[in-house]
Amino acid sequence: NSFGLAYENAQARERTQILMDIANNINALMIGTGDLSELALGFTTYGGDHMSMYGVNCSIPKTLVRYLVRYEAQRTSDSKKSEVLMDILNTPVSPELVPSSSETINQKTEEIIGPYELHDFFLYYMVRFGFPPEKIFRMAKYAFKDLYSDDTIKKWMLVFYKRFFANQFKRSCIPDGPKVGSVSLSPRADFRMPSDASVKVWQKQIEML
C-alpha cells in the first residue's frame, strides 16, 4: 500500500520540517499544535507533529480545546472569525495524511482510536486520582450511560491503556510547554513513567470487567 503508515509518518515529518524551516527563516518559534489527549494516546508522529519549539496545548485535552474554540466563536463580534471557528469545530478531527479526491474527509481520528470524550475521562481519573480501570469503568458507565454501551466503553478503555503504555517513549522527549490544568504528562513537570512499563496488569483488569 503506497499510502500506508510509513507514508503517513513521512507526511507528518515533512510538514514539521517545512514549518520549522519557515520559522527559522523569519526568526520565529514553531508552536506545536498537539494536545494532552494526543500525547496520552501517542496519536502523534515521532519527530513529526510530535516536535515543535514550544507545545502550547500540551496539558489541554481535546475536549477542552473544543470548548475553547466554541467559546471564542460565540464571544467574538467578528462574524467572519466566528464562521471560521464554527467551521473548524464542526469538521471531524483528522490527521489528513492521505490524499483525498473529494471534499470528504477519509481519515476520522475518532473512528480510528475512539471518542476523545471517553479517552479524556479515562486519562483524568487515571493520572489525576490514580483510579484503577474497574473504578473508572464503573464511573464511565454512569457518566456516559445515554451515549455508549458498556461494551463500547470497555473496548475503547482497552485501546486507551494499550496506547498510553506503548507511547511513553514519545512523552519522554516532548518539547517544553505550560501546565494549564491539574493533569500533565511532561517528564519535566510531574509525570514519571518508564518507557518500558508493561500494560499487562491493567489489560488483565479491563478484560475481566
N, C-alpha and C. Protein backbone atom coordinates (compact mmCIF):
# COMPACT_ATOMS: atom_id res chain seq x y z
N ASN A 1 0.85 -1.20 0.00
CA ASN A 1 0.00 0.00 0.00
C ASN A 1 0.89 1.25 0.00
N SER A 2 0.79 2.04 -1.06
CA SER A 2 1.65 3.22 -1.18
C SER A 2 1.26 4.31 -0.18
N PHE A 3 0.05 4.22 0.37
CA PHE A 3 -0.39 5.20 1.36
C PHE A 3 -0.50 4.58 2.75
N GLY A 4 0.47 3.77 3.11
CA GLY A 4 0.48 3.10 4.40
C GLY A 4 1.02 3.99 5.50
N LEU A 5 1.30 3.37 6.64
CA LEU A 5 1.74 4.11 7.82
C LEU A 5 3.04 4.88 7.58
N ALA A 6 3.98 4.26 6.86
CA ALA A 6 5.26 4.94 6.58
C ALA A 6 5.02 6.22 5.78
N TYR A 7 4.09 6.14 4.82
CA TYR A 7 3.75 7.32 4.02
C TYR A 7 3.15 8.41 4.90
N GLU A 8 2.23 8.02 5.79
CA GLU A 8 1.58 9.00 6.67
C GLU A 8 2.58 9.66 7.59
N ASN A 9 3.50 8.87 8.15
CA ASN A 9 4.52 9.43 9.03
C ASN A 9 5.45 10.39 8.28
N ALA A 10 5.78 10.03 7.05
CA ALA A 10 6.63 10.90 6.23
C ALA A 10 5.94 12.23 5.97
N GLN A 11 4.63 12.18 5.73
CA GLN A 11 3.85 13.40 5.52
C GLN A 11 3.93 14.31 6.75
N ALA A 12 3.71 13.71 7.93
CA ALA A 12 3.72 14.48 9.18
C ALA A 12 5.10 15.07 9.45
N ARG A 13 6.15 14.30 9.18
CA ARG A 13 7.51 14.79 9.43
C ARG A 13 7.87 15.90 8.45
N GLU A 14 7.42 15.78 7.20
CA GLU A 14 7.74 16.81 6.22
C GLU A 14 7.01 18.11 6.54
N ARG A 15 5.78 18.01 7.01
CA ARG A 15 5.04 19.20 7.43
C ARG A 15 5.82 19.94 8.52
N THR A 16 6.29 19.16 9.49
CA THR A 16 7.04 19.76 10.60
C THR A 16 8.32 20.41 10.12
N GLN A 17 9.03 19.74 9.23
CA GLN A 17 10.29 20.31 8.72
C GLN A 17 10.04 21.62 7.99
N ILE A 18 9.00 21.67 7.18
CA ILE A 18 8.67 22.89 6.43
C ILE A 18 8.35 24.03 7.40
N LEU A 19 7.53 23.74 8.41
CA LEU A 19 7.16 24.77 9.39
C LEU A 19 8.37 25.25 10.17
N MET A 20 9.26 24.33 10.53
CA MET A 20 10.46 24.72 11.27
C MET A 20 11.40 25.56 10.39
N ASP A 21 11.48 25.21 9.11
CA ASP A 21 12.30 25.98 8.18
C ASP A 21 11.77 27.41 8.03
N ILE A 22 10.46 27.53 7.92
CA ILE A 22 9.84 28.86 7.79
C ILE A 22 10.11 29.67 9.06
N ALA A 23 9.92 29.04 10.22
CA ALA A 23 10.16 29.72 11.49
C ALA A 23 11.61 30.18 11.59
N ASN A 24 12.52 29.32 11.16
CA ASN A 24 13.95 29.64 11.18
C ASN A 24 14.26 30.85 10.30
N ASN A 25 13.61 30.90 9.16
CA ASN A 25 13.85 31.98 8.19
C ASN A 25 13.35 33.34 8.67
N ILE A 26 12.31 33.33 9.49
CA ILE A 26 11.75 34.61 9.94
C ILE A 26 12.07 34.87 11.42
N ASN A 27 13.04 34.11 11.94
CA ASN A 27 13.49 34.30 13.31
C ASN A 27 12.34 34.15 14.32
N ALA A 28 11.59 33.07 14.15
CA ALA A 28 10.42 32.84 15.00
C ALA A 28 10.48 31.44 15.61
N LEU A 29 9.51 31.13 16.45
CA LEU A 29 9.39 29.80 17.04
C LEU A 29 8.23 29.06 16.37
N MET A 30 8.43 27.79 16.12
CA MET A 30 7.33 26.98 15.59
C MET A 30 6.56 26.42 16.78
N ILE A 31 5.31 26.84 16.90
CA ILE A 31 4.46 26.44 18.02
C ILE A 31 3.76 25.12 17.71
N GLY A 32 3.78 24.21 18.67
CA GLY A 32 3.16 22.90 18.46
C GLY A 32 1.65 22.95 18.56
N THR A 33 0.99 22.07 17.82
CA THR A 33 -0.47 22.00 17.83
C THR A 33 -0.99 20.83 18.65
N GLY A 34 -0.11 19.90 19.00
CA GLY A 34 -0.53 18.71 19.72
C GLY A 34 -1.10 19.03 21.10
N ASP A 35 -2.08 18.23 21.54
CA ASP A 35 -2.69 18.47 22.84
C ASP A 35 -2.49 17.29 23.78
N LEU A 36 -2.99 17.42 24.99
CA LEU A 36 -2.81 16.40 26.03
C LEU A 36 -3.39 15.05 25.61
N SER A 37 -4.53 15.05 24.97
CA SER A 37 -5.18 13.80 24.55
C SER A 37 -4.32 13.05 23.54
N GLU A 38 -3.75 13.77 22.60
CA GLU A 38 -2.90 13.14 21.59
C GLU A 38 -1.62 12.61 22.22
N LEU A 39 -1.08 13.33 23.20
CA LEU A 39 0.12 12.84 23.90
C LEU A 39 -0.19 11.58 24.70
N ALA A 40 -1.36 11.54 25.33
CA ALA A 40 -1.74 10.38 26.12
C ALA A 40 -1.89 9.14 25.25
N LEU A 41 -2.48 9.32 24.07
CA LEU A 41 -2.74 8.19 23.17
C LEU A 41 -1.57 7.91 22.23
N GLY A 42 -0.59 8.80 22.21
CA GLY A 42 0.52 8.63 21.28
C GLY A 42 0.08 8.83 19.84
N PHE A 43 -1.04 9.55 19.66
CA PHE A 43 -1.55 9.79 18.29
C PHE A 43 -0.83 10.99 17.71
N THR A 44 0.44 10.82 17.50
CA THR A 44 1.31 11.87 17.02
C THR A 44 2.52 11.20 16.39
N THR A 45 3.03 11.73 15.31
CA THR A 45 4.17 11.12 14.63
C THR A 45 5.48 11.50 15.29
N TYR A 46 6.22 10.52 15.72
CA TYR A 46 7.51 10.75 16.37
C TYR A 46 8.44 11.51 15.42
N GLY A 47 8.88 12.68 15.86
CA GLY A 47 9.73 13.51 15.00
C GLY A 47 8.93 14.30 13.98
N GLY A 48 7.60 14.19 14.04
CA GLY A 48 6.74 14.95 13.14
C GLY A 48 5.99 15.99 13.95
N ASP A 49 4.65 15.89 13.99
CA ASP A 49 3.87 16.83 14.79
C ASP A 49 4.14 16.65 16.28
N HIS A 50 4.87 15.61 16.62
CA HIS A 50 5.35 15.38 17.99
C HIS A 50 6.33 16.46 18.42
N MET A 51 6.97 17.13 17.44
CA MET A 51 8.02 18.11 17.72
C MET A 51 7.57 19.55 17.46
N SER A 52 8.14 20.47 18.21
CA SER A 52 7.94 21.91 18.00
C SER A 52 8.94 22.62 18.89
N MET A 53 8.97 23.95 18.81
CA MET A 53 9.83 24.70 19.72
C MET A 53 9.15 24.95 21.07
N TYR A 54 7.80 24.89 21.06
CA TYR A 54 7.05 25.07 22.31
C TYR A 54 5.66 24.48 22.11
N GLY A 55 5.25 23.61 23.03
CA GLY A 55 3.94 22.96 22.91
C GLY A 55 2.89 23.64 23.76
N VAL A 56 2.21 24.62 23.20
CA VAL A 56 1.27 25.43 24.00
C VAL A 56 0.07 24.64 24.51
N ASN A 57 -0.30 23.56 23.80
CA ASN A 57 -1.50 22.81 24.18
C ASN A 57 -1.19 21.51 24.91
N CYS A 58 0.04 21.33 25.36
CA CYS A 58 0.47 20.02 25.88
C CYS A 58 -0.28 19.55 27.12
N SER A 59 -0.93 20.44 27.85
CA SER A 59 -1.71 19.99 29.01
C SER A 59 -3.19 20.35 28.88
N ILE A 60 -3.62 20.58 27.64
CA ILE A 60 -5.03 20.87 27.38
C ILE A 60 -5.64 19.70 26.62
N PRO A 61 -6.63 19.00 27.19
CA PRO A 61 -7.24 17.86 26.49
C PRO A 61 -8.10 18.30 25.30
N LYS A 62 -8.29 17.38 24.39
CA LYS A 62 -9.04 17.69 23.16
C LYS A 62 -10.44 18.22 23.46
N THR A 63 -11.10 17.65 24.46
CA THR A 63 -12.45 18.10 24.78
C THR A 63 -12.45 19.57 25.23
N LEU A 64 -11.42 19.98 25.95
CA LEU A 64 -11.32 21.38 26.37
C LEU A 64 -10.99 22.28 25.19
N VAL A 65 -10.16 21.80 24.28
CA VAL A 65 -9.86 22.57 23.07
C VAL A 65 -11.16 22.91 22.34
N ARG A 66 -12.03 21.94 22.24
CA ARG A 66 -13.32 22.14 21.57
C ARG A 66 -14.15 23.21 22.29
N TYR A 67 -14.19 23.15 23.60
CA TYR A 67 -14.94 24.15 24.38
C TYR A 67 -14.36 25.55 24.16
N LEU A 68 -13.04 25.63 24.12
CA LEU A 68 -12.39 26.93 23.95
C LEU A 68 -12.69 27.52 22.57
N VAL A 69 -12.69 26.66 21.55
CA VAL A 69 -13.00 27.12 20.19
C VAL A 69 -14.44 27.62 20.12
N ARG A 70 -15.35 26.86 20.72
CA ARG A 70 -16.77 27.26 20.73
C ARG A 70 -16.97 28.57 21.51
N TYR A 71 -16.29 28.68 22.64
CA TYR A 71 -16.40 29.88 23.46
C TYR A 71 -15.95 31.11 22.67
N GLU A 72 -14.82 30.99 21.99
CA GLU A 72 -14.29 32.13 21.23
C GLU A 72 -15.20 32.46 20.05
N ALA A 73 -15.77 31.44 19.42
CA ALA A 73 -16.67 31.66 18.29
C ALA A 73 -17.92 32.42 18.73
N GLN A 74 -18.41 32.12 19.92
CA GLN A 74 -19.62 32.77 20.43
C GLN A 74 -19.33 34.13 21.05
N ARG A 75 -18.10 34.32 21.50
CA ARG A 75 -17.73 35.56 22.18
C ARG A 75 -17.38 36.69 21.22
N THR A 76 -16.76 36.34 20.09
CA THR A 76 -16.26 37.36 19.18
C THR A 76 -17.39 38.12 18.48
N SER A 77 -17.13 39.38 18.19
CA SER A 77 -18.10 40.20 17.45
C SER A 77 -17.80 40.18 15.95
N ASP A 78 -16.71 39.50 15.58
CA ASP A 78 -16.30 39.37 14.18
C ASP A 78 -17.01 38.17 13.58
N SER A 79 -18.02 38.41 12.74
CA SER A 79 -18.84 37.33 12.19
C SER A 79 -18.02 36.36 11.33
N LYS A 80 -17.04 36.90 10.59
CA LYS A 80 -16.21 36.05 9.74
C LYS A 80 -15.35 35.11 10.60
N LYS A 81 -14.79 35.66 11.66
CA LYS A 81 -13.98 34.86 12.57
C LYS A 81 -14.83 33.77 13.22
N SER A 82 -16.04 34.14 13.63
CA SER A 82 -16.95 33.17 14.24
C SER A 82 -17.30 32.06 13.26
N GLU A 83 -17.53 32.43 12.00
CA GLU A 83 -17.86 31.45 10.96
C GLU A 83 -16.73 30.46 10.76
N VAL A 84 -15.50 30.97 10.71
CA VAL A 84 -14.33 30.11 10.52
C VAL A 84 -14.16 29.16 11.71
N LEU A 85 -14.30 29.68 12.92
CA LEU A 85 -14.14 28.86 14.11
C LEU A 85 -15.21 27.77 14.20
N MET A 86 -16.44 28.11 13.85
CA MET A 86 -17.51 27.12 13.89
C MET A 86 -17.31 26.06 12.81
N ASP A 87 -16.74 26.47 11.68
CA ASP A 87 -16.43 25.51 10.61
C ASP A 87 -15.37 24.51 11.09
N ILE A 88 -14.37 25.03 11.80
CA ILE A 88 -13.32 24.18 12.37
C ILE A 88 -13.94 23.22 13.38
N LEU A 89 -14.81 23.75 14.24
CA LEU A 89 -15.44 22.95 15.29
C LEU A 89 -16.31 21.84 14.71
N ASN A 90 -16.97 22.12 13.60
CA ASN A 90 -17.88 21.14 13.00
C ASN A 90 -17.19 20.17 12.05
N THR A 91 -15.91 20.36 11.84
CA THR A 91 -15.14 19.45 10.99
C THR A 91 -14.60 18.29 11.84
N PRO A 92 -14.82 17.05 11.42
CA PRO A 92 -14.30 15.91 12.20
C PRO A 92 -12.79 16.00 12.37
N VAL A 93 -12.31 15.61 13.55
CA VAL A 93 -10.87 15.62 13.81
C VAL A 93 -10.20 14.62 12.87
N SER A 94 -9.15 15.08 12.19
CA SER A 94 -8.49 14.21 11.22
C SER A 94 -7.02 14.58 11.09
N PRO A 95 -6.14 13.55 10.96
CA PRO A 95 -4.72 13.85 10.71
C PRO A 95 -4.48 14.29 9.27
N GLU A 96 -5.42 13.95 8.38
CA GLU A 96 -5.33 14.30 6.95
C GLU A 96 -3.95 14.00 6.38
N LEU A 97 -3.56 12.74 6.46
CA LEU A 97 -2.24 12.34 6.00
C LEU A 97 -2.26 11.51 4.72
N VAL A 98 -3.45 11.28 4.18
CA VAL A 98 -3.55 10.57 2.89
C VAL A 98 -4.33 11.44 1.92
N PRO A 99 -4.00 11.36 0.63
CA PRO A 99 -4.68 12.19 -0.36
C PRO A 99 -6.17 11.87 -0.46
N SER A 100 -6.96 12.88 -0.78
CA SER A 100 -8.40 12.69 -0.98
C SER A 100 -8.79 13.38 -2.28
N SER A 101 -9.60 12.71 -3.08
CA SER A 101 -10.01 13.27 -4.38
C SER A 101 -11.29 14.08 -4.28
N SER A 102 -11.83 14.20 -3.08
CA SER A 102 -13.07 14.95 -2.90
C SER A 102 -12.99 15.78 -1.63
N GLU A 103 -14.10 16.42 -1.28
CA GLU A 103 -14.17 17.21 -0.06
C GLU A 103 -14.40 16.34 1.16
N THR A 104 -14.66 15.05 0.91
CA THR A 104 -14.91 14.12 2.01
C THR A 104 -13.63 13.83 2.78
N ILE A 105 -13.71 13.84 4.11
CA ILE A 105 -12.56 13.50 4.95
C ILE A 105 -12.50 11.99 5.10
N ASN A 106 -11.43 11.38 4.56
CA ASN A 106 -11.29 9.93 4.60
C ASN A 106 -10.85 9.42 5.97
N GLN A 107 -10.00 10.19 6.63
CA GLN A 107 -9.47 9.76 7.93
C GLN A 107 -10.15 10.54 9.06
N LYS A 108 -10.90 9.83 9.87
CA LYS A 108 -11.53 10.46 11.04
C LYS A 108 -10.92 9.85 12.29
N THR A 109 -10.21 10.68 13.03
CA THR A 109 -9.44 10.20 14.17
C THR A 109 -10.26 9.37 15.14
N GLU A 110 -11.46 9.83 15.48
CA GLU A 110 -12.25 9.14 16.50
C GLU A 110 -12.81 7.80 16.02
N GLU A 111 -12.80 7.57 14.69
CA GLU A 111 -13.17 6.26 14.17
C GLU A 111 -11.98 5.31 14.27
N ILE A 112 -10.78 5.88 14.35
CA ILE A 112 -9.56 5.07 14.41
C ILE A 112 -9.21 4.70 15.85
N ILE A 113 -9.23 5.69 16.74
CA ILE A 113 -8.78 5.45 18.11
C ILE A 113 -9.88 5.57 19.16
N GLY A 114 -11.06 6.02 18.76
CA GLY A 114 -12.17 6.12 19.71
C GLY A 114 -12.50 7.55 20.10
N PRO A 115 -13.64 7.75 20.76
CA PRO A 115 -14.10 9.10 21.14
C PRO A 115 -13.18 9.77 22.16
N TYR A 116 -12.82 11.01 21.86
CA TYR A 116 -11.94 11.75 22.77
C TYR A 116 -12.60 12.00 24.12
N GLU A 117 -13.93 12.13 24.16
CA GLU A 117 -14.57 12.39 25.44
C GLU A 117 -14.40 11.21 26.39
N LEU A 118 -14.34 10.01 25.84
CA LEU A 118 -14.08 8.83 26.67
C LEU A 118 -12.62 8.79 27.10
N HIS A 119 -11.73 8.99 26.15
CA HIS A 119 -10.29 8.95 26.46
C HIS A 119 -9.89 10.02 27.48
N ASP A 120 -10.45 11.21 27.34
CA ASP A 120 -10.13 12.28 28.30
C ASP A 120 -10.66 11.95 29.68
N PHE A 121 -11.79 11.27 29.74
CA PHE A 121 -12.36 10.82 31.01
C PHE A 121 -11.44 9.80 31.66
N PHE A 122 -11.01 8.79 30.88
CA PHE A 122 -10.10 7.77 31.39
C PHE A 122 -8.80 8.42 31.89
N LEU A 123 -8.26 9.31 31.07
CA LEU A 123 -6.98 9.95 31.38
C LEU A 123 -7.03 10.73 32.68
N TYR A 124 -8.07 11.53 32.85
CA TYR A 124 -8.19 12.38 34.03
C TYR A 124 -8.21 11.55 35.31
N TYR A 125 -9.05 10.53 35.33
CA TYR A 125 -9.20 9.77 36.56
C TYR A 125 -8.04 8.79 36.80
N MET A 126 -7.34 8.41 35.73
CA MET A 126 -6.17 7.56 35.90
C MET A 126 -4.97 8.36 36.42
N VAL A 127 -4.67 9.49 35.78
CA VAL A 127 -3.48 10.26 36.12
C VAL A 127 -3.71 11.16 37.33
N ARG A 128 -4.83 11.85 37.38
CA ARG A 128 -5.08 12.81 38.46
C ARG A 128 -5.35 12.12 39.80
N PHE A 129 -6.11 11.01 39.76
CA PHE A 129 -6.50 10.36 41.00
C PHE A 129 -5.92 8.96 41.18
N GLY A 130 -5.34 8.40 40.12
CA GLY A 130 -4.75 7.08 40.22
C GLY A 130 -5.76 5.95 40.37
N PHE A 131 -7.00 6.18 39.88
CA PHE A 131 -8.02 5.15 39.98
C PHE A 131 -7.70 3.97 39.07
N PRO A 132 -8.03 2.75 39.49
CA PRO A 132 -7.81 1.56 38.65
C PRO A 132 -8.89 1.46 37.57
N PRO A 133 -8.67 0.64 36.53
CA PRO A 133 -9.64 0.51 35.43
C PRO A 133 -11.05 0.16 35.89
N GLU A 134 -11.17 -0.74 36.88
CA GLU A 134 -12.50 -1.16 37.33
C GLU A 134 -13.33 0.02 37.84
N LYS A 135 -12.69 0.90 38.61
CA LYS A 135 -13.41 2.06 39.16
C LYS A 135 -13.74 3.07 38.06
N ILE A 136 -12.79 3.32 37.17
CA ILE A 136 -13.02 4.27 36.08
C ILE A 136 -14.12 3.75 35.17
N PHE A 137 -14.14 2.44 34.91
CA PHE A 137 -15.17 1.83 34.07
C PHE A 137 -16.55 2.03 34.70
N ARG A 138 -16.63 1.80 36.00
CA ARG A 138 -17.91 1.95 36.72
C ARG A 138 -18.39 3.39 36.64
N MET A 139 -17.46 4.35 36.80
CA MET A 139 -17.82 5.77 36.71
C MET A 139 -18.25 6.14 35.30
N ALA A 140 -17.53 5.61 34.31
CA ALA A 140 -17.84 5.91 32.90
C ALA A 140 -19.22 5.38 32.52
N LYS A 141 -19.60 4.23 33.06
CA LYS A 141 -20.91 3.66 32.77
C LYS A 141 -22.02 4.63 33.17
N TYR A 142 -21.85 5.29 34.31
CA TYR A 142 -22.85 6.26 34.78
C TYR A 142 -22.76 7.57 33.99
N ALA A 143 -21.53 8.03 33.77
CA ALA A 143 -21.32 9.32 33.10
C ALA A 143 -21.79 9.30 31.64
N PHE A 144 -21.65 8.15 30.98
CA PHE A 144 -21.95 8.07 29.55
C PHE A 144 -23.07 7.07 29.25
N LYS A 145 -23.95 6.86 30.22
CA LYS A 145 -24.99 5.82 30.07
C LYS A 145 -25.93 6.06 28.90
N ASP A 146 -26.11 7.33 28.52
CA ASP A 146 -27.01 7.63 27.40
C ASP A 146 -26.28 7.72 26.05
N LEU A 147 -24.96 7.53 26.08
CA LEU A 147 -24.17 7.69 24.86
C LEU A 147 -23.49 6.41 24.38
N TYR A 148 -22.96 5.64 25.34
CA TYR A 148 -22.18 4.46 24.95
C TYR A 148 -22.60 3.23 25.77
N SER A 149 -22.60 2.08 25.10
CA SER A 149 -22.89 0.83 25.80
C SER A 149 -21.69 0.43 26.64
N ASP A 150 -21.90 -0.49 27.58
CA ASP A 150 -20.80 -0.97 28.42
C ASP A 150 -19.70 -1.59 27.56
N ASP A 151 -20.09 -2.34 26.54
CA ASP A 151 -19.09 -2.99 25.66
C ASP A 151 -18.26 -1.95 24.91
N THR A 152 -18.90 -0.86 24.50
CA THR A 152 -18.19 0.19 23.77
C THR A 152 -17.18 0.89 24.69
N ILE A 153 -17.61 1.17 25.91
CA ILE A 153 -16.70 1.81 26.88
C ILE A 153 -15.51 0.90 27.16
N LYS A 154 -15.77 -0.38 27.35
CA LYS A 154 -14.70 -1.33 27.62
C LYS A 154 -13.73 -1.43 26.43
N LYS A 155 -14.30 -1.46 25.23
CA LYS A 155 -13.47 -1.55 24.01
C LYS A 155 -12.48 -0.40 23.93
N TRP A 156 -12.98 0.84 24.10
CA TRP A 156 -12.10 2.00 23.95
C TRP A 156 -11.21 2.19 25.18
N MET A 157 -11.64 1.68 26.34
CA MET A 157 -10.77 1.74 27.52
C MET A 157 -9.53 0.87 27.30
N LEU A 158 -9.71 -0.28 26.71
CA LEU A 158 -8.58 -1.16 26.43
C LEU A 158 -7.63 -0.51 25.42
N VAL A 159 -8.20 0.16 24.42
CA VAL A 159 -7.38 0.89 23.44
C VAL A 159 -6.60 1.99 24.14
N PHE A 160 -7.27 2.71 25.05
CA PHE A 160 -6.60 3.80 25.76
C PHE A 160 -5.40 3.30 26.53
N TYR A 161 -5.57 2.27 27.34
CA TYR A 161 -4.47 1.79 28.18
C TYR A 161 -3.32 1.22 27.34
N LYS A 162 -3.66 0.48 26.30
CA LYS A 162 -2.61 -0.08 25.43
C LYS A 162 -1.80 1.02 24.79
N ARG A 163 -2.47 2.03 24.27
CA ARG A 163 -1.78 3.13 23.61
C ARG A 163 -1.02 3.99 24.61
N PHE A 164 -1.60 4.20 25.78
CA PHE A 164 -0.94 5.03 26.79
C PHE A 164 0.40 4.42 27.19
N PHE A 165 0.43 3.12 27.44
CA PHE A 165 1.66 2.47 27.85
C PHE A 165 2.65 2.34 26.69
N ALA A 166 2.15 2.07 25.50
CA ALA A 166 3.04 1.86 24.36
C ALA A 166 3.73 3.13 23.89
N ASN A 167 3.20 4.30 24.26
CA ASN A 167 3.71 5.55 23.69
C ASN A 167 4.40 6.46 24.70
N GLN A 168 4.82 5.92 25.84
CA GLN A 168 5.54 6.74 26.80
C GLN A 168 6.85 7.28 26.20
N PHE A 169 7.47 6.52 25.28
CA PHE A 169 8.73 6.97 24.68
C PHE A 169 8.57 8.31 23.96
N LYS A 170 7.39 8.59 23.46
CA LYS A 170 7.15 9.88 22.80
C LYS A 170 7.04 11.01 23.83
N ARG A 171 6.46 10.69 24.98
CA ARG A 171 6.30 11.71 26.01
C ARG A 171 7.60 12.00 26.75
N SER A 172 8.54 11.06 26.69
CA SER A 172 9.83 11.25 27.38
C SER A 172 10.67 12.36 26.77
N CYS A 173 10.35 12.73 25.54
CA CYS A 173 11.16 13.76 24.87
C CYS A 173 10.29 14.79 24.16
N ILE A 174 9.20 15.20 24.80
CA ILE A 174 8.33 16.22 24.21
C ILE A 174 8.92 17.61 24.46
N PRO A 175 8.55 18.59 23.62
CA PRO A 175 9.03 19.96 23.83
C PRO A 175 8.47 20.56 25.12
N ASP A 176 9.09 21.64 25.57
CA ASP A 176 8.57 22.36 26.72
C ASP A 176 7.17 22.90 26.43
N GLY A 177 6.39 23.07 27.48
CA GLY A 177 5.06 23.64 27.34
C GLY A 177 4.51 23.94 28.71
N PRO A 178 3.44 24.73 28.80
CA PRO A 178 2.89 25.13 30.09
C PRO A 178 2.02 24.05 30.71
N LYS A 179 1.95 24.03 32.03
CA LYS A 179 0.99 23.17 32.71
C LYS A 179 -0.23 24.04 33.01
N VAL A 180 -1.32 23.76 32.31
CA VAL A 180 -2.51 24.60 32.41
C VAL A 180 -3.49 24.05 33.44
N GLY A 181 -3.77 22.76 33.38
CA GLY A 181 -4.73 22.16 34.30
C GLY A 181 -4.05 21.37 35.40
N SER A 182 -4.77 20.40 35.95
CA SER A 182 -4.22 19.61 37.05
C SER A 182 -3.58 18.32 36.59
N VAL A 183 -3.63 18.05 35.29
CA VAL A 183 -3.03 16.84 34.73
C VAL A 183 -1.97 17.23 33.71
N SER A 184 -0.77 16.70 33.88
CA SER A 184 0.31 16.97 32.95
C SER A 184 1.05 15.67 32.66
N LEU A 185 1.53 15.50 31.43
CA LEU A 185 2.28 14.29 31.08
C LEU A 185 3.73 14.63 30.74
N SER A 186 4.16 15.84 31.10
CA SER A 186 5.53 16.25 30.81
C SER A 186 6.50 15.60 31.79
N PRO A 187 7.59 15.00 31.28
CA PRO A 187 8.59 14.40 32.18
C PRO A 187 9.35 15.46 32.98
N ARG A 188 9.21 16.73 32.59
CA ARG A 188 9.89 17.81 33.30
C ARG A 188 8.97 18.48 34.32
N ALA A 189 7.74 18.01 34.40
CA ALA A 189 6.80 18.58 35.36
C ALA A 189 6.53 17.59 36.48
N ASP A 190 5.43 16.85 36.38
CA ASP A 190 5.07 15.98 37.49
C ASP A 190 4.68 14.57 37.08
N PHE A 191 5.09 14.13 35.88
CA PHE A 191 4.74 12.78 35.45
C PHE A 191 6.00 11.97 35.20
N ARG A 192 6.12 10.85 35.89
CA ARG A 192 7.27 9.97 35.73
C ARG A 192 6.79 8.58 35.36
N MET A 193 7.34 8.05 34.28
CA MET A 193 6.94 6.72 33.84
C MET A 193 8.03 6.15 32.95
N PRO A 194 8.47 4.92 33.20
CA PRO A 194 9.49 4.32 32.32
C PRO A 194 8.88 3.95 30.98
N SER A 195 9.65 4.09 29.92
CA SER A 195 9.14 3.80 28.58
C SER A 195 8.87 2.31 28.35
N ASP A 196 9.47 1.47 29.19
CA ASP A 196 9.27 0.02 29.00
C ASP A 196 8.27 -0.56 30.00
N ALA A 197 7.43 0.31 30.61
CA ALA A 197 6.40 -0.18 31.53
C ALA A 197 5.43 -1.09 30.79
N SER A 198 4.98 -2.14 31.45
CA SER A 198 4.08 -3.11 30.82
C SER A 198 2.62 -2.82 31.16
N VAL A 199 1.77 -2.95 30.17
CA VAL A 199 0.34 -2.69 30.34
C VAL A 199 -0.40 -3.94 30.81
N LYS A 200 0.27 -5.08 30.94
CA LYS A 200 -0.41 -6.36 31.16
C LYS A 200 -1.32 -6.39 32.38
N VAL A 201 -0.89 -5.81 33.50
CA VAL A 201 -1.72 -5.83 34.72
C VAL A 201 -3.02 -5.08 34.50
N TRP A 202 -2.95 -3.89 33.89
CA TRP A 202 -4.13 -3.08 33.62
C TRP A 202 -5.01 -3.75 32.56
N GLN A 203 -4.37 -4.32 31.54
CA GLN A 203 -5.10 -5.00 30.48
C GLN A 203 -5.90 -6.18 31.04
N LYS A 204 -5.30 -6.93 31.94
CA LYS A 204 -5.98 -8.08 32.55
C LYS A 204 -7.21 -7.62 33.33
N GLN A 205 -7.08 -6.49 34.05
CA GLN A 205 -8.20 -5.95 34.82
C GLN A 205 -9.35 -5.57 33.89
N ILE A 206 -9.01 -4.92 32.78
CA ILE A 206 -10.05 -4.49 31.84
C ILE A 206 -10.74 -5.68 31.19
N GLU A 207 -9.97 -6.70 30.81
CA GLU A 207 -10.55 -7.89 30.17
C GLU A 207 -11.48 -8.64 31.10
N MET A 208 -11.28 -8.48 32.42
CA MET A 208 -12.13 -9.16 33.39
C MET A 208 -13.40 -8.37 33.74
N LEU A 209 -13.54 -7.14 33.21
CA LEU A 209 -14.71 -6.32 33.52
C LEU A 209 -15.98 -6.97 32.98
